[in-house]
Amino acid sequence: MTLKDKLQVEIMDLPIMDEVIDDIGTNLEYVADNFAIGFAEWCTRYHDKNRNVNGEMLHAKSKYDETYLTKELLEIYKKER
């Protein structure tokens, strides 16, 4: 197979690659959406919400429990999942 033939085959495969890339993107978006929804639902366990002096959201199950930043809750959720 000559270089010209190889280049033509590669050019012909570009639409197929575009479809594959689009499918991968769609799947990644689906996974990210489900993760975000799961995290939001999981966060509802932390009812008491306040902001610290830096304006960051704090979450606690009740006023007697330990508080977490949203980022800390995300890290905990990622480990549990």
N, C-alpha and C. Protein backbone atom coordinates (compact mmCIF):
# COMPACT_ATOMS: atom_id res chain seq x y z
N MET A 1 0.85 -1.17 0.00
CA MET A 1 0.00 0.00 0.00
C MET A 1 0.90 1.24 0.00
N THR A 2 0.63 2.12 -0.91
CA THR A 2 1.44 3.33 -1.03
C THR A 2 1.02 4.35 0.04
N LEU A 3 1.86 5.36 0.22
CA LEU A 3 1.57 6.42 1.18
C LEU A 3 0.26 7.12 0.81
N LYS A 4 0.06 7.33 -0.49
CA LYS A 4 -1.18 7.98 -0.95
C LYS A 4 -2.40 7.15 -0.55
N ASP A 5 -2.31 5.83 -0.72
CA ASP A 5 -3.42 4.94 -0.34
C ASP A 5 -3.66 5.00 1.17
N LYS A 6 -2.59 5.00 1.96
CA LYS A 6 -2.72 5.07 3.41
C LYS A 6 -3.39 6.39 3.83
N LEU A 7 -2.99 7.47 3.19
CA LEU A 7 -3.57 8.77 3.52
C LEU A 7 -5.06 8.80 3.17
N GLN A 8 -5.43 8.21 2.05
CA GLN A 8 -6.84 8.17 1.66
C GLN A 8 -7.66 7.35 2.65
N VAL A 9 -7.11 6.25 3.12
CA VAL A 9 -7.81 5.42 4.11
C VAL A 9 -7.98 6.21 5.40
N GLU A 10 -6.93 6.91 5.84
CA GLU A 10 -7.01 7.69 7.07
C GLU A 10 -8.02 8.82 6.94
N ILE A 11 -8.06 9.47 5.78
CA ILE A 11 -9.01 10.55 5.56
C ILE A 11 -10.44 10.01 5.54
N MET A 12 -10.63 8.83 4.95
CA MET A 12 -11.96 8.23 4.89
C MET A 12 -12.44 7.84 6.29
N ASP A 13 -11.54 7.53 7.21
CA ASP A 13 -11.91 7.10 8.56
C ASP A 13 -12.24 8.28 9.48
N LEU A 14 -11.96 9.51 9.05
CA LEU A 14 -12.21 10.65 9.91
C LEU A 14 -13.67 10.79 10.34
N PRO A 15 -14.64 10.62 9.45
CA PRO A 15 -16.04 10.70 9.92
C PRO A 15 -16.35 9.64 10.98
N ILE A 16 -15.78 8.47 10.82
CA ILE A 16 -16.00 7.40 11.81
C ILE A 16 -15.38 7.82 13.14
N MET A 17 -14.19 8.40 13.10
CA MET A 17 -13.53 8.86 14.32
C MET A 17 -14.33 9.97 14.98
N ASP A 18 -14.92 10.86 14.18
CA ASP A 18 -15.76 11.92 14.73
C ASP A 18 -16.94 11.33 15.48
N GLU A 19 -17.55 10.30 14.92
CA GLU A 19 -18.67 9.64 15.59
C GLU A 19 -18.22 9.00 16.89
N VAL A 20 -17.08 8.34 16.87
CA VAL A 20 -16.55 7.69 18.07
C VAL A 20 -16.28 8.74 19.15
N ILE A 21 -15.65 9.84 18.77
CA ILE A 21 -15.35 10.91 19.72
C ILE A 21 -16.63 11.50 20.28
N ASP A 22 -17.64 11.70 19.43
CA ASP A 22 -18.93 12.21 19.90
C ASP A 22 -19.57 11.23 20.89
N ASP A 23 -19.51 9.93 20.59
CA ASP A 23 -20.07 8.93 21.49
C ASP A 23 -19.35 8.93 22.83
N ILE A 24 -18.04 9.04 22.80
CA ILE A 24 -17.26 9.09 24.04
C ILE A 24 -17.65 10.32 24.85
N GLY A 25 -17.77 11.46 24.17
CA GLY A 25 -18.18 12.69 24.85
C GLY A 25 -19.56 12.56 25.48
N THR A 26 -20.48 11.95 24.75
CA THR A 26 -21.84 11.75 25.27
C THR A 26 -21.81 10.85 26.50
N ASN A 27 -21.03 9.78 26.45
CA ASN A 27 -20.92 8.87 27.58
C ASN A 27 -20.29 9.55 28.79
N LEU A 28 -19.25 10.34 28.56
CA LEU A 28 -18.61 11.05 29.66
C LEU A 28 -19.57 12.06 30.29
N GLU A 29 -20.34 12.74 29.46
CA GLU A 29 -21.33 13.69 29.97
C GLU A 29 -22.38 12.97 30.81
N TYR A 30 -22.81 11.80 30.36
CA TYR A 30 -23.79 11.00 31.09
C TYR A 30 -23.24 10.60 32.46
N VAL A 31 -21.99 10.13 32.48
CA VAL A 31 -21.36 9.72 33.73
C VAL A 31 -21.22 10.92 34.67
N ALA A 32 -20.77 12.06 34.14
CA ALA A 32 -20.61 13.26 34.95
C ALA A 32 -21.95 13.74 35.50
N ASP A 33 -22.99 13.71 34.68
CA ASP A 33 -24.32 14.12 35.13
C ASP A 33 -24.82 13.22 36.25
N ASN A 34 -24.68 11.92 36.07
CA ASN A 34 -25.13 10.98 37.10
C ASN A 34 -24.34 11.15 38.39
N PHE A 35 -23.04 11.41 38.27
CA PHE A 35 -22.22 11.63 39.45
C PHE A 35 -22.68 12.89 40.17
N ALA A 36 -22.92 13.96 39.43
CA ALA A 36 -23.35 15.23 40.03
C ALA A 36 -24.71 15.08 40.71
N ILE A 37 -25.63 14.39 40.06
CA ILE A 37 -26.95 14.16 40.65
C ILE A 37 -26.82 13.32 41.91
N GLY A 38 -26.02 12.28 41.84
CA GLY A 38 -25.80 11.43 43.02
C GLY A 38 -25.19 12.21 44.17
N PHE A 39 -24.24 13.07 43.87
CA PHE A 39 -23.61 13.88 44.90
C PHE A 39 -24.62 14.86 45.51
N ALA A 40 -25.42 15.49 44.68
CA ALA A 40 -26.42 16.44 45.18
C ALA A 40 -27.41 15.73 46.10
N GLU A 41 -27.86 14.54 45.70
CA GLU A 41 -28.80 13.79 46.53
C GLU A 41 -28.13 13.33 47.82
N TRP A 42 -26.88 12.93 47.73
CA TRP A 42 -26.13 12.48 48.90
C TRP A 42 -25.95 13.64 49.88
N CYS A 43 -25.75 14.85 49.37
CA CYS A 43 -25.54 16.04 50.22
C CYS A 43 -26.79 16.41 51.01
N THR A 44 -27.96 15.95 50.59
CA THR A 44 -29.17 16.31 51.32
C THR A 44 -29.18 15.72 52.72
N ARG A 45 -28.29 14.77 52.98
CA ARG A 45 -28.17 14.25 54.34
C ARG A 45 -27.63 15.31 55.29
N TYR A 46 -26.97 16.31 54.73
CA TYR A 46 -26.36 17.37 55.53
C TYR A 46 -27.27 18.59 55.49
N HIS A 47 -28.22 18.61 56.43
CA HIS A 47 -29.29 19.60 56.40
C HIS A 47 -28.86 20.99 56.84
N ASP A 48 -28.03 21.07 57.87
CA ASP A 48 -27.66 22.37 58.45
C ASP A 48 -26.55 23.00 57.60
N LYS A 49 -26.85 24.12 56.96
CA LYS A 49 -25.88 24.77 56.08
C LYS A 49 -25.62 26.19 56.56
N ASN A 50 -24.37 26.55 56.64
CA ASN A 50 -23.94 27.90 57.01
C ASN A 50 -22.74 28.26 56.16
N ARG A 51 -22.36 29.51 56.22
CA ARG A 51 -21.15 29.95 55.51
C ARG A 51 -20.11 30.37 56.53
N ASN A 52 -18.84 30.06 56.22
CA ASN A 52 -17.77 30.50 57.10
C ASN A 52 -17.35 31.92 56.73
N VAL A 53 -16.32 32.44 57.38
CA VAL A 53 -15.90 33.83 57.15
C VAL A 53 -15.41 34.06 55.72
N ASN A 54 -15.01 33.00 55.02
CA ASN A 54 -14.55 33.11 53.63
C ASN A 54 -15.69 32.98 52.63
N GLY A 55 -16.92 32.80 53.14
CA GLY A 55 -18.07 32.65 52.25
C GLY A 55 -18.26 31.24 51.73
N GLU A 56 -17.45 30.28 52.21
CA GLU A 56 -17.57 28.89 51.77
C GLU A 56 -18.72 28.22 52.51
N MET A 57 -19.47 27.38 51.78
CA MET A 57 -20.61 26.70 52.36
C MET A 57 -20.14 25.59 53.30
N LEU A 58 -20.71 25.56 54.49
CA LEU A 58 -20.44 24.50 55.45
C LEU A 58 -21.68 23.63 55.57
N HIS A 59 -21.49 22.33 55.72
CA HIS A 59 -22.59 21.39 55.82
C HIS A 59 -22.43 20.57 57.10
N ALA A 60 -23.52 20.28 57.76
CA ALA A 60 -23.52 19.41 58.93
C ALA A 60 -24.84 18.65 58.96
N LYS A 61 -24.80 17.43 59.51
CA LYS A 61 -26.04 16.66 59.62
C LYS A 61 -26.97 17.32 60.63
N SER A 62 -26.40 17.89 61.65
CA SER A 62 -27.17 18.68 62.63
C SER A 62 -26.21 19.68 63.25
N LYS A 63 -26.72 20.57 64.08
CA LYS A 63 -25.84 21.58 64.67
C LYS A 63 -24.86 20.97 65.66
N TYR A 64 -25.06 19.71 66.02
CA TYR A 64 -24.17 19.05 66.97
C TYR A 64 -23.10 18.20 66.29
N ASP A 65 -23.18 18.07 64.99
CA ASP A 65 -22.23 17.23 64.25
C ASP A 65 -21.10 18.06 63.66
N GLU A 66 -20.07 17.36 63.23
CA GLU A 66 -18.93 18.00 62.57
C GLU A 66 -19.38 18.65 61.27
N THR A 67 -18.77 19.78 60.93
CA THR A 67 -19.12 20.47 59.68
C THR A 67 -18.08 20.17 58.61
N TYR A 68 -18.51 20.21 57.35
CA TYR A 68 -17.65 19.96 56.20
C TYR A 68 -17.86 21.04 55.16
N LEU A 69 -16.81 21.38 54.45
CA LEU A 69 -16.93 22.21 53.26
C LEU A 69 -17.51 21.35 52.15
N THR A 70 -18.15 21.98 51.16
CA THR A 70 -18.69 21.23 50.03
C THR A 70 -17.60 20.41 49.36
N LYS A 71 -16.41 20.98 49.23
CA LYS A 71 -15.28 20.27 48.62
C LYS A 71 -14.93 19.02 49.43
N GLU A 72 -14.98 19.12 50.75
CA GLU A 72 -14.67 17.96 51.59
C GLU A 72 -15.74 16.88 51.43
N LEU A 73 -17.00 17.30 51.33
CA LEU A 73 -18.07 16.32 51.10
C LEU A 73 -17.88 15.61 49.76
N LEU A 74 -17.46 16.36 48.75
CA LEU A 74 -17.22 15.76 47.43
C LEU A 74 -16.12 14.71 47.52
N GLU A 75 -15.06 15.00 48.25
CA GLU A 75 -13.97 14.03 48.42
C GLU A 75 -14.46 12.78 49.15
N ILE A 76 -15.29 12.95 50.18
CA ILE A 76 -15.84 11.81 50.91
C ILE A 76 -16.73 10.99 49.98
N TYR A 77 -17.58 11.68 49.22
CA TYR A 77 -18.49 10.99 48.30
C TYR A 77 -17.71 10.19 47.25
N LYS A 78 -16.65 10.79 46.71
CA LYS A 78 -15.84 10.09 45.70
C LYS A 78 -15.23 8.84 46.28
N LYS A 79 -14.79 8.87 47.53
CA LYS A 79 -14.20 7.68 48.17
C LYS A 79 -15.25 6.61 48.40
N GLU A 80 -16.45 7.03 48.81
CA GLU A 80 -17.52 6.07 49.07
C GLU A 80 -18.05 5.43 47.80
N ARG A 81 -18.02 6.15 46.72
CA ARG A 81 -18.55 5.69 45.46
C ARG A 81 -17.54 4.84 44.82
